C-alpha cells in the first residue's frame, strides 16, 4: 500500500504550485487527476486542424507571472521549458462604430493617449494605477495573503496606526465602489470607460458588483506593468514544466485516476480511495475541487451538517463560452492599431457590458455578448503553421441554465445543445466579422465550447462557471467559500481545501496552493 506525506486531488494551477513547493522541501507528494490530461484549465490541443495549437480554456498568465508562486518557482520552471511571450500592446477595446483604444505597457504613452481623448483622463489613470502601486504591500496582502493570520492582523493594525481608524475605514469604503461608480465618476471619455468595463467580467464580477472598481484598478495596474503574457507553445507547456519539476523533486503525478472518496478515520483524513478500489494513505490530503465535489462526493459518508448545508447554499456564477478559429492568414482589422494586441474586447461601454452580464445571470443568451478576442499567434509564432493564424475567443457572460434568448432569435431549451451552441457561436462570429476584412474567407475551421461542454471536460467547472463559484462579496475574502471558512482548513483534521473556490479565488496566480504550501512549512 502506497503512503505519502501529501496526496493532492486535482491538478489545476493551485494543486501544481502546492505540489512543486512541498516536494521541493523533501515531502513525498502525489498528485491525482481524474482526467487523462494534467492541468485543470491549462490545456493546449489541436482542436481545429493539425498544427494549430489552441489554449482550450486558460490563456493569459499575468497573474502567475506577478505572483509569489512564480517568484519562488519561476527559475526552476524555466529550466523545464516554461517561457512567456509578450507584446507591448496587452489589451484594447473595439466599439461597434469601429473606434478603438489600445493600452500599452508604457504609462507615459497611456497618459498621453487618454488625455487626448478627454482632458485629465490620462492624469486620472496615472493616479489610479499609482494608488495601486502605493498601496501594494497592504492591498496585495489582502488580495492574496493568508487573511486569518497574525501577519495580516499586524498589517491591519499598522494601517490603522498609519491612516487612523477613520482613514482606514475610508480606504475600505473606496475599495468597495463598483466599477460603474469608479469609471463614471473618474473618466470623461466613454472610450476609456469602455476599455476597462469588460475586464471586471474576468474577475467573475459585473460593473455593478461591490469592489469591482478596485479590481478594475488592479487589472489596469497589472496589464500596464506586466502585459498579457502567454506561454510559448501554449498553456499546456506550463503544465508540462510543473510536472517535470515535481517529478525532479521526487513527487509523483498520475492522470486518469478518479478519487472516489477521502478516507477519514478518527476525525482525521488519512488518505484516499480511488474508484477502482485502490487505497492510498497520506498524512495530509488536499482537495483542489469545488465545494460540491468535496462535501457531496468525496466526503459523502461523513457527518458534516454545517459544511453540507453551506454547500447547498453556495452559488456558482455565470458560465463561460469559448470559440476558437484556425485562420488561413492573420486577420486584417478594419480599425488600425490592433494587429499586435494580445486581448481585444468587443464592447460599446459600461452599459453594454452590464446588459450582457445581466442577461446571462437571468439565464438568457445575451443579445450582444461581450467578446474577448485573443491573438496568441501574434505573441507566439509556434501556435500555428507559417503564414496562418489562430483566434481565441472568450465570452465570460453565458448562462449556465438557459431560460431563453434575449434577442428572441435562437430557439432554446434549458440545456445547452449542439444546435444552441452553434447558433450562439454564429451570433458571436457575426459581430466579429464586422471588424475584420473578408473574415469569412479566412476561416479554415472553428470550434465552439458551451458552458456544458466545459463542465463535461472539468467537473469543477460547475455549469461552465470558470471561477469556482460566484465572486460576490459574501463569497469572497474571509468568506470564501463559506462564511465560517478559515485559511483553507476544514472540519476534518489534515484535510485542506484549495482551488478557485477558496481564498484568494480564481485565476492563474496559484494563490491557495502557495498559501497551503507555506502553512505546511514549504
Protein backbone atom coordinates (compact mmCIF):
# COMPACT_ATOMS: atom_id res chain seq x y z
CA UNK A 1 0.00 0.00 0.00
CA UNK A 2 1.45 3.35 -1.06
CA UNK A 3 1.93 6.07 1.58
CA UNK A 4 2.69 9.76 1.05
CA UNK A 5 3.13 12.89 3.11
CA UNK A 6 0.66 14.73 0.86
CA UNK A 7 -1.97 13.50 -1.58
CA UNK A 8 -3.40 16.29 -3.73
CA UNK A 9 -6.69 15.66 -5.53
CA UNK A 10 -6.89 17.62 -8.78
CA UNK A 11 -4.16 19.18 -10.92
CA UNK A 12 -5.06 22.81 -11.59
CA UNK A 13 -2.62 25.65 -11.02
CA UNK A 14 -3.09 25.62 -7.23
CA UNK A 15 -2.52 21.88 -6.95
CA UNK A 16 0.61 22.07 -9.10
CA UNK A 17 2.04 25.03 -7.17
CA UNK A 18 1.48 23.25 -3.85
CA UNK A 19 2.97 20.00 -5.15
CA UNK A 20 6.06 21.72 -6.56
CA UNK A 21 6.71 23.67 -3.37
CA UNK A 22 6.07 20.78 -0.97
CA UNK A 23 8.14 18.30 -2.95
CA UNK A 24 10.92 20.90 -3.02
CA UNK A 25 11.10 20.61 0.79
CA UNK A 26 11.58 16.87 0.70
CA UNK A 27 7.93 15.96 1.22
CA UNK A 28 6.64 12.85 -0.53
CA UNK A 29 3.84 14.20 -2.73
CA UNK A 30 1.30 12.52 -5.00
CA UNK A 31 -0.95 14.43 -7.43
CA UNK A 32 -4.04 12.58 -8.67
CA UNK A 33 -6.01 13.82 -11.70
CA UNK A 34 -9.20 12.08 -12.85
CA UNK A 35 -8.89 13.37 -16.44
CA UNK A 36 -6.41 11.99 -18.90
CA UNK A 37 -4.82 15.43 -19.20
CA UNK A 38 -2.99 17.22 -16.41
CA UNK A 39 -3.51 20.90 -15.62
CA UNK A 40 -7.20 21.57 -14.98
CA UNK A 41 -8.00 24.64 -17.10
CA UNK A 42 -4.47 24.77 -18.52
CA UNK A 43 -4.59 22.64 -21.65
CA UNK A 44 -3.44 23.12 -25.23
CA UNK A 45 -4.81 20.96 -28.03
CA UNK A 46 -5.10 20.82 -31.82
CA UNK A 47 -8.87 21.14 -31.66
CA UNK A 48 -9.39 22.59 -35.15
CA UNK A 49 -6.67 21.41 -37.54
CA UNK A 50 -3.27 19.76 -37.20
CA UNK A 51 -0.58 22.29 -36.44
CA UNK A 52 -2.98 24.81 -34.85
CA UNK A 53 -2.40 24.75 -31.09
CA UNK A 54 -5.26 26.28 -29.11
CA UNK A 55 -5.49 27.05 -25.39
CA UNK A 56 -8.85 25.43 -24.78
CA UNK A 57 -9.58 27.40 -21.62
CA UNK A 58 -7.00 29.50 -19.71
CA UNK A 59 -4.67 31.54 -21.89
CA UNK A 60 -3.14 34.60 -20.20
CA UNK A 61 -0.60 34.29 -17.38
CA UNK A 62 -0.20 37.81 -15.99
CA UNK A 63 -1.47 36.68 -12.57
CA UNK A 64 1.07 33.87 -12.37
CA UNK A 65 3.95 35.96 -13.69
CA UNK A 66 3.34 38.56 -10.95
CA UNK A 67 2.63 36.04 -8.16
CA UNK A 68 4.75 34.95 -5.19
CA UNK A 69 4.47 31.40 -6.54
CA UNK A 70 6.29 32.42 -9.72
CA UNK A 71 8.86 34.34 -7.69
CA UNK A 72 9.65 31.10 -5.85
CA UNK A 73 9.31 28.57 -8.68
CA UNK A 74 9.89 30.58 -11.86
CA UNK A 75 13.59 29.86 -12.35
CA UNK A 76 13.11 26.11 -11.92
CA UNK A 77 10.06 26.05 -14.17
CA UNK A 78 12.05 27.92 -16.82
CA UNK A 79 14.66 25.15 -16.72
CA UNK A 80 11.86 22.77 -17.65
CA UNK A 81 10.66 24.81 -20.62
CA UNK A 82 8.29 27.45 -19.24
CA UNK A 83 8.78 30.56 -21.37
CA UNK A 84 6.50 33.59 -21.67
CA UNK A 85 5.78 35.60 -24.82
CA UNK A 86 4.90 39.28 -24.63
CA UNK A 87 3.58 42.23 -26.62
CA UNK A 88 3.77 45.95 -25.74
CA UNK A 89 0.02 46.15 -26.51
CA UNK A 90 -1.65 43.93 -23.90
CA UNK A 91 -5.27 44.98 -24.40
CA UNK A 92 -7.67 47.18 -26.36
CA UNK A 93 -11.35 47.91 -26.72
CA UNK A 94 -13.09 47.95 -30.09
CA UNK A 95 -16.51 49.59 -30.14
CA UNK A 96 -19.33 48.83 -32.63
CA UNK A 97 -18.64 52.01 -34.62
CA UNK A 98 -15.04 50.88 -35.25
CA UNK A 99 -13.40 53.28 -32.80
CA UNK A 100 -10.75 51.70 -30.60
CA UNK A 101 -8.29 52.38 -27.81
CA UNK A 102 -5.11 50.40 -27.13
CA UNK A 103 -3.41 50.12 -23.74
CA UNK A 104 0.38 49.89 -23.84
CA UNK A 105 2.95 48.77 -21.29
CA UNK A 106 4.13 52.38 -21.19
CA UNK A 107 2.45 54.64 -18.66
CA UNK A 108 3.56 57.88 -20.27
CA UNK A 109 2.10 56.76 -23.61
CA UNK A 110 -1.17 55.77 -21.94
CA UNK A 111 -1.41 59.06 -20.08
CA UNK A 112 -0.91 60.97 -23.32
CA UNK A 113 -3.45 58.86 -25.23
CA UNK A 114 -6.10 59.15 -22.51
CA UNK A 115 -5.57 62.90 -22.11
CA UNK A 116 -6.00 63.30 -25.87
CA UNK A 117 -9.45 61.72 -25.57
CA UNK A 118 -10.56 63.87 -22.64
CA UNK A 119 -8.54 66.43 -20.74
CA UNK A 120 -7.41 64.97 -17.43
CA UNK A 121 -8.31 61.32 -18.15
CA UNK A 122 -4.66 60.38 -18.56
CA UNK A 123 -3.71 62.09 -15.32
CA UNK A 124 -6.52 60.28 -13.54
CA UNK A 125 -5.28 56.98 -14.99
CA UNK A 126 -1.83 57.69 -13.62
CA UNK A 127 -3.42 58.45 -10.24
CA UNK A 128 -5.45 55.21 -10.28
CA UNK A 129 -2.59 52.87 -11.11
CA UNK A 130 -0.26 54.93 -8.92
CA UNK A 131 -2.58 54.38 -5.95
CA UNK A 132 -2.35 50.62 -6.51
CA UNK A 133 1.46 50.89 -6.53
CA UNK A 134 1.42 52.94 -3.34
CA UNK A 135 -0.94 50.53 -1.56
CA UNK A 136 0.68 47.38 -2.98
CA UNK A 137 2.08 45.86 0.25
CA UNK A 138 -1.24 46.26 2.05
CA UNK A 139 -3.57 45.63 -0.89
CA UNK A 140 -1.89 42.51 -2.25
CA UNK A 141 -1.62 41.05 1.24
CA UNK A 142 -5.42 41.29 1.43
CA UNK A 143 -5.97 40.02 -2.11
CA UNK A 144 -3.52 37.12 -1.94
CA UNK A 145 -2.28 36.61 1.61
CA UNK A 146 -3.45 34.41 4.44
CA UNK A 147 -6.27 36.50 5.89
CA UNK A 148 -6.70 34.64 9.19
CA UNK A 149 -3.17 35.20 10.43
CA UNK A 150 -1.13 37.28 12.85
CA UNK A 151 0.73 38.83 9.93
CA UNK A 152 -2.49 40.15 8.41
CA UNK A 153 -3.71 41.36 11.79
CA UNK A 154 -0.45 43.24 12.31
CA UNK A 155 -0.72 44.65 8.79
CA UNK A 156 -4.24 45.93 9.51
CA UNK A 157 -3.09 47.39 12.82
CA UNK A 158 -0.21 49.10 11.06
CA UNK A 159 -2.55 50.65 8.51
CA UNK A 160 -4.89 51.80 11.27
CA UNK A 161 -1.94 53.41 13.06
CA UNK A 162 -0.70 55.00 9.81
CA UNK A 163 -4.03 56.26 8.49
CA UNK A 164 -6.13 56.37 11.63
CA UNK A 165 -9.24 54.28 12.07
CA UNK A 166 -11.37 56.68 10.06
CA UNK A 167 -8.72 56.80 7.34
CA UNK A 168 -8.62 53.00 7.15
CA UNK A 169 -12.42 52.86 7.07
CA UNK A 170 -12.44 55.40 4.23
CA UNK A 171 -9.89 53.30 2.31
CA UNK A 172 -12.10 50.24 2.73
CA UNK A 173 -15.13 52.21 1.57
CA UNK A 174 -13.34 53.33 -1.59
CA UNK A 175 -12.25 49.75 -2.24
CA UNK A 176 -15.91 48.62 -2.25
CA UNK A 177 -17.00 51.01 -5.02
CA UNK A 178 -18.49 49.24 -8.09
CA UNK A 179 -16.74 49.63 -11.43
CA UNK A 180 -19.60 51.71 -12.78
CA UNK A 181 -19.16 54.18 -9.94
CA UNK A 182 -15.39 54.28 -10.43
CA UNK A 183 -15.49 54.72 -14.21
CA UNK A 184 -18.38 57.17 -14.48
CA UNK A 185 -17.03 59.49 -11.78
CA UNK A 186 -13.38 59.29 -12.84
CA UNK A 187 -13.19 59.29 -16.66
CA UNK A 188 -14.94 61.69 -19.01
CA UNK A 189 -14.12 59.69 -22.14
CA UNK A 190 -16.58 56.89 -22.99
CA UNK A 191 -13.65 55.21 -24.76
CA UNK A 192 -11.59 54.94 -21.56
CA UNK A 193 -14.66 53.71 -19.70
CA UNK A 194 -15.18 51.10 -22.42
CA UNK A 195 -11.55 49.95 -22.17
CA UNK A 196 -11.88 48.92 -18.53
CA UNK A 197 -15.54 47.92 -18.17
CA UNK A 198 -15.21 44.43 -19.75
CA UNK A 199 -12.25 43.47 -17.58
CA UNK A 200 -14.36 43.13 -14.45
CA UNK A 201 -16.09 40.16 -16.08
CA UNK A 202 -12.76 38.31 -15.95
CA UNK A 203 -12.86 38.55 -12.16
CA UNK A 204 -16.31 36.97 -12.01
CA UNK A 205 -17.94 40.34 -11.30
CA UNK A 206 -20.04 42.89 -13.21
CA UNK A 207 -19.83 46.70 -13.43
CA UNK A 208 -22.42 46.89 -10.64
CA UNK A 209 -20.68 44.45 -8.26
CA UNK A 210 -19.27 45.67 -4.96
CA UNK A 211 -15.44 46.13 -5.10
CA UNK A 212 -15.36 45.62 -8.90
CA UNK A 213 -13.92 49.14 -9.20
CA UNK A 214 -10.93 48.21 -7.07
CA UNK A 215 -10.42 45.02 -9.08
CA UNK A 216 -10.56 47.10 -12.27
CA UNK A 217 -7.76 49.31 -10.96
CA UNK A 218 -5.69 46.25 -10.01
CA UNK A 219 -6.13 44.85 -13.52
CA UNK A 220 -5.19 48.20 -15.07
CA UNK A 221 -2.04 48.25 -12.97
CA UNK A 222 -1.12 44.63 -13.77
CA UNK A 223 -1.69 44.91 -17.52
CA UNK A 224 0.31 48.12 -17.79
CA UNK A 225 3.14 46.76 -15.64
CA UNK A 226 3.37 43.16 -16.85
CA UNK A 227 1.31 42.96 -20.04
CA UNK A 228 -0.80 39.95 -21.04
CA UNK A 229 1.80 37.18 -21.46
CA UNK A 230 1.06 33.79 -22.96
CA UNK A 231 3.12 30.63 -22.60
CA UNK A 232 5.28 29.74 -25.57
CA UNK A 233 3.76 26.64 -27.11
CA UNK A 234 0.50 27.02 -25.18
CA UNK A 235 -0.68 26.81 -21.58
CA UNK A 236 -0.15 23.06 -21.69
CA UNK A 237 3.58 23.80 -21.70
CA UNK A 238 3.18 25.31 -18.23
CA UNK A 239 1.58 22.08 -17.07
CA UNK A 240 4.46 20.10 -18.57
CA UNK A 241 7.01 22.26 -16.80
CA UNK A 242 5.26 21.78 -13.45
CA UNK A 243 5.08 18.01 -13.96
CA UNK A 244 8.79 17.82 -14.78
CA UNK A 245 9.71 19.93 -11.74
CA UNK A 246 7.51 17.92 -9.35
CA UNK A 247 8.98 14.64 -10.61
CA UNK A 248 12.52 16.04 -10.47
CA UNK A 249 11.90 16.76 -6.79
CA UNK A 250 10.67 13.24 -6.13
CA UNK A 251 6.92 13.83 -6.44
CA UNK A 252 4.54 11.56 -8.33
CA UNK A 253 1.91 12.70 -10.82
CA UNK A 254 -0.83 10.34 -12.05
CA UNK A 255 -3.60 11.07 -14.55
CA UNK A 256 -6.71 9.03 -15.31
CA UNK A 257 -7.18 8.29 -11.59
CA UNK A 258 -10.63 9.08 -10.24
CA UNK A 259 -10.63 9.61 -6.47
CA UNK A 260 -13.90 8.20 -5.19
CA UNK A 261 -13.65 9.33 -1.58
CA UNK A 262 -11.38 10.75 1.07
CA UNK A 263 -10.66 8.25 3.85
CA UNK A 264 -11.44 9.70 7.29
CA UNK A 265 -10.63 7.82 10.48
CA UNK A 266 -10.97 9.26 13.96
CA UNK A 267 -11.90 12.69 12.56
CA UNK A 268 -8.68 12.87 10.56
CA UNK A 269 -8.00 12.49 6.83
CA UNK A 270 -5.59 9.63 6.31
CA UNK A 271 -5.72 9.02 2.55
CA UNK A 272 -7.96 8.47 -0.44
CA UNK A 273 -9.66 5.60 -2.19
CA UNK A 274 -9.91 5.55 -5.98
CA UNK A 275 -12.94 4.43 -7.97
CA UNK A 276 -11.18 1.17 -8.80
CA UNK A 277 -10.65 0.39 -5.11
CA UNK A 278 -7.03 1.44 -4.65
CA UNK A 279 -6.29 2.78 -1.16
CA UNK A 280 -3.56 5.41 -0.89
CA UNK A 281 -2.53 6.57 2.58
CA UNK A 282 -1.25 10.04 3.38
CA UNK A 283 -0.50 12.27 6.36
CA UNK A 284 -2.32 15.15 4.64
CA UNK A 285 -4.95 15.30 1.88
CA UNK A 286 -5.56 18.46 -0.15
CA UNK A 287 -8.57 18.75 -2.44
CA UNK A 288 -8.39 21.21 -5.31
CA UNK A 289 -12.09 20.91 -6.12
CA UNK A 290 -15.37 22.82 -5.96
CA UNK A 291 -17.32 22.59 -2.68
CA UNK A 292 -19.91 20.26 -4.16
CA UNK A 293 -17.25 17.77 -5.19
CA UNK A 294 -15.64 17.88 -1.77
CA UNK A 295 -18.65 17.65 0.51
CA UNK A 296 -21.25 15.89 -1.64
CA UNK A 297 -18.94 13.34 -3.25
CA UNK A 298 -15.52 12.88 -1.65
CA UNK A 299 -16.87 13.28 1.90
CA UNK A 300 -20.36 11.93 1.23
CA UNK A 301 -20.18 9.41 4.10
CA UNK A 302 -19.08 11.93 6.72
CA UNK A 303 -21.42 13.66 9.17
CA UNK A 304 -20.68 17.32 8.38
CA UNK A 305 -24.04 19.12 8.65
CA UNK A 306 -22.65 22.68 8.69
CA UNK A 307 -20.44 22.14 5.66
CA UNK A 308 -23.11 20.32 3.69
CA UNK A 309 -25.70 22.99 4.48
CA UNK A 310 -23.23 25.69 3.38
CA UNK A 311 -22.56 23.72 0.17
CA UNK A 312 -26.28 23.65 -0.57
CA UNK A 313 -26.41 27.46 -0.44
CA UNK A 314 -23.09 28.03 -2.24
CA UNK A 315 -23.74 29.88 -5.51
CA UNK A 316 -21.98 29.43 -8.82
CA UNK A 317 -21.58 32.28 -11.27
CA UNK A 318 -22.17 32.80 -14.97
CA UNK A 319 -20.95 30.25 -17.47
CA UNK A 320 -18.10 30.67 -19.91
CA UNK A 321 -18.27 30.21 -23.70
CA UNK A 322 -15.17 29.55 -25.79
CA UNK A 323 -14.77 29.92 -29.54
CA UNK A 324 -11.59 29.06 -31.43
CA UNK A 325 -10.59 29.73 -35.04
CA UNK A 326 -7.93 28.40 -37.36
CA UNK A 327 -7.36 31.09 -40.00
CA UNK A 328 -5.70 30.98 -43.39
CA UNK A 329 -3.78 34.19 -42.61
CA UNK A 330 -3.55 36.85 -39.96
CA UNK A 331 -6.76 38.87 -39.58
CA UNK A 332 -6.79 42.36 -41.09
CA UNK A 333 -8.64 44.54 -38.59
CA UNK A 334 -10.64 47.34 -40.15
CA UNK A 335 -9.62 49.56 -37.24
CA UNK A 336 -5.91 50.44 -37.24
CA UNK A 337 -3.51 49.61 -34.43
CA UNK A 338 -4.96 46.26 -33.32
CA UNK A 339 -2.63 43.84 -35.08
CA UNK A 340 -0.26 43.31 -32.13
CA UNK A 341 -2.82 43.48 -29.32
CA UNK A 342 -2.97 40.38 -27.12
CA UNK A 343 -6.59 40.70 -25.93
CA UNK A 344 -9.26 42.85 -27.64
CA UNK A 345 -12.68 43.37 -26.11
CA UNK A 346 -15.59 43.97 -28.47
CA UNK A 347 -17.87 46.13 -26.34
CA UNK A 348 -19.56 49.52 -26.53
CA UNK A 349 -19.08 50.55 -22.92
CA UNK A 350 -20.30 50.15 -19.36
CA UNK A 351 -23.95 49.76 -20.34
CA UNK A 352 -23.31 47.09 -22.98
CA UNK A 353 -21.16 45.07 -20.57
CA UNK A 354 -23.75 45.44 -17.82
CA UNK A 355 -26.57 44.43 -20.17
CA UNK A 356 -24.89 41.26 -21.45
CA UNK A 357 -23.84 40.16 -17.96
CA UNK A 358 -27.32 40.80 -16.58
CA UNK A 359 -28.94 38.83 -19.39
CA UNK A 360 -26.61 35.89 -18.74
CA UNK A 361 -27.26 35.99 -15.00
CA UNK A 362 -31.00 35.84 -15.75
CA UNK A 363 -30.47 32.74 -17.87
CA UNK A 364 -30.71 34.47 -21.24
CA UNK A 365 -28.39 34.20 -24.22
CA UNK A 366 -27.07 37.78 -24.44
CA UNK A 367 -28.33 39.73 -27.41
CA UNK A 368 -24.90 41.39 -27.84
CA UNK A 369 -22.39 39.43 -25.77
CA UNK A 370 -19.17 40.98 -24.53
CA UNK A 371 -16.44 39.28 -26.56
CA UNK A 372 -12.77 38.92 -25.66
CA UNK A 373 -10.58 38.15 -28.69
CA UNK A 374 -7.09 36.76 -28.14
CA UNK A 375 -4.43 36.73 -30.86
CA UNK A 376 -1.86 34.28 -29.44
CA UNK A 377 -0.14 33.83 -32.82
CA UNK A 378 0.94 37.49 -32.62
CA UNK A 379 2.88 36.76 -29.44
CA UNK A 380 3.90 33.18 -30.15
CA UNK A 381 4.63 32.05 -33.72
CA UNK A 382 4.78 28.39 -32.64
CA UNK A 383 0.99 28.24 -32.24
CA UNK A 384 0.24 27.67 -35.94
CA UNK A 385 1.91 26.99 -39.32
CA UNK A 386 3.82 29.82 -41.00
CA UNK A 387 1.52 32.42 -42.51
CA UNK A 388 -1.54 31.12 -40.67
CA UNK A 389 -3.27 32.44 -37.55
CA UNK A 390 -5.47 31.43 -34.65
CA UNK A 391 -8.02 33.35 -32.61
CA UNK A 392 -9.06 32.56 -29.02
CA UNK A 393 -12.46 33.97 -28.10
CA UNK A 394 -13.89 34.00 -24.62
CA UNK A 395 -17.42 35.13 -23.81
CA UNK A 396 -17.49 35.46 -20.00
CA UNK A 397 -21.23 36.04 -19.75
CA UNK A 398 -23.04 32.91 -20.92
CA UNK A 399 -25.92 31.40 -18.93
CA UNK A 400 -25.37 28.13 -17.06
CA UNK A 401 -29.05 27.20 -17.39
CA UNK A 402 -30.85 28.69 -20.39
CA UNK A 403 -34.22 30.36 -19.92
CA UNK A 404 -34.40 31.97 -23.34
CA UNK A 405 -32.71 34.20 -25.90
CA UNK A 406 -32.58 37.92 -25.15
CA UNK A 407 -32.79 38.63 -28.89
CA UNK A 408 -35.72 36.26 -29.40
CA UNK A 409 -34.00 34.61 -32.36
CA UNK A 410 -32.47 31.35 -31.08
CA UNK A 411 -34.77 28.53 -30.13
CA UNK A 412 -33.69 27.21 -26.74
CA UNK A 413 -34.44 24.74 -24.02
CA UNK A 414 -32.96 24.72 -20.51
CA UNK A 415 -29.87 22.75 -21.60
CA UNK A 416 -27.04 23.66 -23.91
CA UNK A 417 -27.36 21.57 -27.07
CA UNK A 418 -25.11 21.45 -30.10
CA UNK A 419 -27.68 23.46 -32.07
CA UNK A 420 -27.88 26.15 -29.36
CA UNK A 421 -24.10 26.29 -29.08
CA UNK A 422 -23.57 26.72 -32.81
CA UNK A 423 -26.36 29.30 -33.14
CA UNK A 424 -24.80 31.36 -30.35
CA UNK A 425 -21.40 30.94 -32.00
CA UNK A 426 -22.92 32.28 -35.23
CA UNK A 427 -24.09 35.38 -33.33
CA UNK A 428 -20.60 35.94 -31.94
CA UNK A 429 -18.98 35.38 -35.32
CA UNK A 430 -21.30 37.88 -36.98
CA UNK A 431 -20.17 40.56 -34.50
CA UNK A 432 -16.50 39.67 -35.00
CA UNK A 433 -16.79 39.60 -38.80
CA UNK A 434 -17.90 43.24 -38.91
CA UNK A 435 -14.43 44.27 -37.75
CA UNK A 436 -12.16 42.02 -39.87
CA UNK A 437 -11.76 42.30 -43.63
CA UNK A 438 -13.16 39.27 -45.50
CA UNK A 439 -13.35 37.25 -42.31
CA UNK A 440 -15.48 34.53 -43.89
CA UNK A 441 -12.71 33.88 -46.42
CA UNK A 442 -10.10 33.47 -43.68
CA UNK A 443 -11.78 30.76 -41.64
CA UNK A 444 -10.37 27.29 -42.12
CA UNK A 445 -12.23 25.81 -39.15
CA UNK A 446 -13.87 26.86 -35.91
CA UNK A 447 -14.56 25.03 -32.67
CA UNK A 448 -17.01 26.18 -30.01
CA UNK A 449 -17.37 25.10 -26.38
CA UNK A 450 -20.55 25.85 -24.45
CA UNK A 451 -20.62 26.05 -20.65
CA UNK A 452 -21.94 22.48 -20.68
CA UNK A 453 -19.00 21.33 -22.81
CA UNK A 454 -16.54 22.93 -20.39
CA UNK A 455 -18.29 21.33 -17.41
CA UNK A 456 -18.03 17.94 -19.12
CA UNK A 457 -14.28 18.45 -19.54
CA UNK A 458 -13.74 19.51 -15.91
CA UNK A 459 -16.21 18.59 -13.17
CA UNK A 460 -15.10 21.58 -11.09
CA UNK A 461 -16.41 24.00 -13.73
CA UNK A 462 -19.94 23.63 -12.39
CA UNK A 463 -22.35 24.63 -15.13
CA UNK A 464 -19.37 26.06 -17.00
CA UNK A 465 -18.52 28.54 -14.19
CA UNK A 466 -14.75 29.08 -14.58
CA UNK A 467 -14.35 30.98 -11.29
CA UNK A 468 -15.12 28.26 -8.75
CA UNK A 469 -18.27 30.00 -7.57
CA UNK A 470 -19.81 33.45 -7.66
CA UNK A 471 -17.23 36.06 -6.63
CA UNK A 472 -19.67 38.47 -4.96
CA UNK A 473 -18.51 39.97 -1.68
CA UNK A 474 -20.39 37.43 0.50
CA UNK A 475 -18.43 34.59 -1.12
CA UNK A 476 -15.03 36.23 -1.22
CA UNK A 477 -12.07 37.13 1.01
CA UNK A 478 -12.61 35.68 4.52
CA UNK A 479 -16.00 34.32 3.41
CA UNK A 480 -14.68 32.06 0.60
CA UNK A 481 -16.08 29.51 0.11
CA UNK A 482 -18.18 29.71 3.30
CA UNK A 483 -18.76 32.33 5.97
CA UNK A 484 -17.05 30.10 8.55
CA UNK A 485 -14.05 29.20 6.35
CA UNK A 486 -10.57 29.76 7.79
CA UNK A 487 -7.47 29.59 5.57
CA UNK A 488 -8.48 26.53 3.58
CA UNK A 489 -8.84 24.37 6.71
CA UNK A 490 -11.81 22.04 7.03
CA UNK A 491 -13.69 20.35 9.85
CA UNK A 492 -11.60 17.25 9.12
CA UNK A 493 -8.08 17.36 10.57
CA UNK A 494 -5.29 17.20 7.96
CA UNK A 495 -7.76 17.84 5.12
CA UNK A 496 -7.18 21.06 3.20
CA UNK A 497 -9.37 22.75 0.61
CA UNK A 498 -7.65 24.69 -2.20
CA UNK A 499 -8.55 25.85 -5.70
CA UNK A 500 -10.62 28.64 -7.24
CA UNK A 501 -13.42 28.15 -4.69
CA UNK A 502 -11.10 29.13 -1.84
CA UNK A 503 -9.23 32.33 -0.96
CA UNK A 504 -7.69 34.11 -2.83
CA UNK A 505 -10.10 32.94 -5.51
CA UNK A 506 -9.88 32.18 -9.24
CA UNK A 507 -7.19 32.91 -11.80
CA UNK A 508 -3.77 31.56 -12.63
CA UNK A 509 -1.96 33.04 -9.64
CA UNK A 510 -1.77 29.74 -7.76
CA UNK A 511 -2.51 31.63 -4.55
CA UNK A 512 -4.32 29.00 -2.47
CA UNK A 513 -1.75 26.35 -3.40
CA UNK A 514 1.05 28.71 -2.43
CA UNK A 515 -0.57 29.55 0.92
CA UNK A 516 -1.15 25.87 1.68
CA UNK A 517 2.48 25.02 0.98
CA UNK A 518 3.64 27.87 3.23
CA UNK A 519 1.39 26.66 6.05
CA UNK A 520 2.87 23.20 5.62
CA UNK A 521 6.39 24.57 6.02
CA UNK A 522 7.47 24.89 2.38
